Amino acid sequence: MIAQNVIEVKSDGIIGPVTLGKLNTINPELFLASTTLVKIARYVHLVKIRPANSRFFYGWIGRAIGDI
């Protein structure tokens, strides 16, 4: 669903022909950077709504950046 949000198609979690078609047109480096930023924004949100999650934050960020 993150990928679908990044490429701006219906976010239904199903990788069908519309999603694949759009994925095949996007610059791979831009896609990877964009998905990484979306992941990091989600982690920030998770810490804001539940401060106890802060103990996981740096691990999450490291994993997200490791994808680049």
C-alpha atoms as a PDB file:
ATOM      1  CA  MET A   1       0.000   0.000   0.000  1.00  0.00           C
ATOM      2  CA  ILE A   2       2.958   2.307   0.598  1.00  0.00           C
ATOM      3  CA  ALA A   3       4.057   1.762  -2.988  1.00  0.00           C
ATOM      4  CA  GLN A   4       0.558   2.528  -4.238  1.00  0.00           C
ATOM      5  CA  ASN A   5       0.432   5.736  -2.213  1.00  0.00           C
ATOM      6  CA  VAL A   6       3.811   6.817  -3.573  1.00  0.00           C
ATOM      7  CA  ILE A   7       2.834   6.250  -7.208  1.00  0.00           C
ATOM      8  CA  GLU A   8      -0.622   7.735  -6.625  1.00  0.00           C
ATOM      9  CA  VAL A   9      -2.866   4.842  -7.583  1.00  0.00           C
ATOM     10  CA  LYS A  10      -5.757   3.338  -5.621  1.00  0.00           C
ATOM     11  CA  SER A  11      -4.302   2.065  -2.356  1.00  0.00           C
ATOM     12  CA  ASP A  12      -5.956  -1.312  -2.016  1.00  0.00           C
ATOM     13  CA  GLY A  13      -2.942  -3.547  -1.368  1.00  0.00           C
ATOM     14  CA  ILE A  14      -3.490  -5.447  -4.608  1.00  0.00           C
ATOM     15  CA  ILE A  15      -0.654  -5.332  -7.113  1.00  0.00           C
ATOM     16  CA  GLY A  16      -2.654  -5.507 -10.308  1.00  0.00           C
ATOM     17  CA  PRO A  17      -2.183  -4.236 -13.849  1.00  0.00           C
ATOM     18  CA  VAL A  18      -2.777  -0.572 -12.970  1.00  0.00           C
ATOM     19  CA  THR A  19      -0.204  -0.606 -10.168  1.00  0.00           C
ATOM     20  CA  LEU A  20       2.328  -2.566 -12.233  1.00  0.00           C
ATOM     21  CA  GLY A  21       1.831  -0.292 -15.211  1.00  0.00           C
ATOM     22  CA  LYS A  22       2.515   2.801 -13.138  1.00  0.00           C
ATOM     23  CA  LEU A  23       5.471   1.181 -11.340  1.00  0.00           C
ATOM     24  CA  ASN A  24       7.066   0.398 -14.695  1.00  0.00           C
ATOM     25  CA  THR A  25       6.994   4.083 -15.671  1.00  0.00           C
ATOM     26  CA  ILE A  26       8.561   5.609 -12.552  1.00  0.00           C
ATOM     27  CA  ASN A  27      12.267   6.298 -12.016  1.00  0.00           C
ATOM     28  CA  PRO A  28      13.514   3.519  -9.675  1.00  0.00           C
ATOM     29  CA  GLU A  29      15.759   5.827  -7.627  1.00  0.00           C
ATOM     30  CA  LEU A  30      12.939   8.326  -7.131  1.00  0.00           C
ATOM     31  CA  PHE A  31      10.569   5.523  -6.151  1.00  0.00           C
ATOM     32  CA  LEU A  32      12.996   4.106  -3.595  1.00  0.00           C
ATOM     33  CA  ALA A  33      13.708   7.519  -2.061  1.00  0.00           C
ATOM     34  CA  SER A  34       9.993   8.333  -1.917  1.00  0.00           C
ATOM     35  CA  THR A  35       9.034   5.064  -0.252  1.00  0.00           C
ATOM     36  CA  THR A  36      11.829   5.540   2.286  1.00  0.00           C
ATOM     37  CA  LEU A  37      10.515   8.991   3.196  1.00  0.00           C
ATOM     38  CA  VAL A  38       6.972   7.651   3.554  1.00  0.00           C
ATOM     39  CA  LYS A  39       8.229   4.899   5.866  1.00  0.00           C
ATOM     40  CA  ILE A  40      10.128   7.399   8.020  1.00  0.00           C
ATOM     41  CA  ALA A  41       7.056   9.644   8.230  1.00  0.00           C
ATOM     42  CA  ARG A  42       5.041   6.636   9.414  1.00  0.00           C
ATOM     43  CA  TYR A  43       7.617   5.852  12.100  1.00  0.00           C
ATOM     44  CA  VAL A  44       7.498   9.449  13.334  1.00  0.00           C
ATOM     45  CA  HIS A  45       3.707   9.187  13.508  1.00  0.00           C
ATOM     46  CA  LEU A  46       3.895   5.914  15.445  1.00  0.00           C
ATOM     47  CA  VAL A  47       6.186   7.516  18.031  1.00  0.00           C
ATOM     48  CA  LYS A  48       3.938  10.579  18.320  1.00  0.00           C
ATOM     49  CA  ILE A  49       0.821   8.529  19.003  1.00  0.00           C
ATOM     50  CA  ARG A  50       2.649   6.113  21.311  1.00  0.00           C
ATOM     51  CA  PRO A  51       5.828   7.543  22.851  1.00  0.00           C
ATOM     52  CA  ALA A  52       6.838   4.084  24.114  1.00  0.00           C
ATOM     53  CA  ASN A  53       7.597   3.248  20.471  1.00  0.00           C
ATOM     54  CA  SER A  54      10.543   5.641  20.612  1.00  0.00           C
ATOM     55  CA  ARG A  55      12.755   2.761  21.749  1.00  0.00           C
ATOM     56  CA  PHE A  56      12.265   1.201  18.295  1.00  0.00           C
ATOM     57  CA  PHE A  57      12.628   4.427  16.314  1.00  0.00           C
ATOM     58  CA  TYR A  58      16.332   4.325  15.453  1.00  0.00           C
ATOM     59  CA  GLY A  59      16.114   0.672  14.452  1.00  0.00           C
ATOM     60  CA  TRP A  60      13.194   1.444  12.167  1.00  0.00           C
ATOM     61  CA  ILE A  61      15.059   4.363  10.613  1.00  0.00           C
ATOM     62  CA  GLY A  62      18.187   2.263  10.129  1.00  0.00           C
ATOM     63  CA  ARG A  63      16.184  -0.442   8.416  1.00  0.00           C
ATOM     64  CA  ALA A  64      14.412   2.091   6.165  1.00  0.00           C
ATOM     65  CA  ILE A  65      17.665   3.772   5.173  1.00  0.00           C
ATOM     66  CA  GLY A  66      19.294   0.391   4.666  1.00  0.00           C
ATOM     67  CA  ASP A  67      16.859  -0.171   1.797  1.00  0.00           C
ATOM     68  CA  ILE A  68      18.406   2.681  -0.194  1.00  0.00           C
END
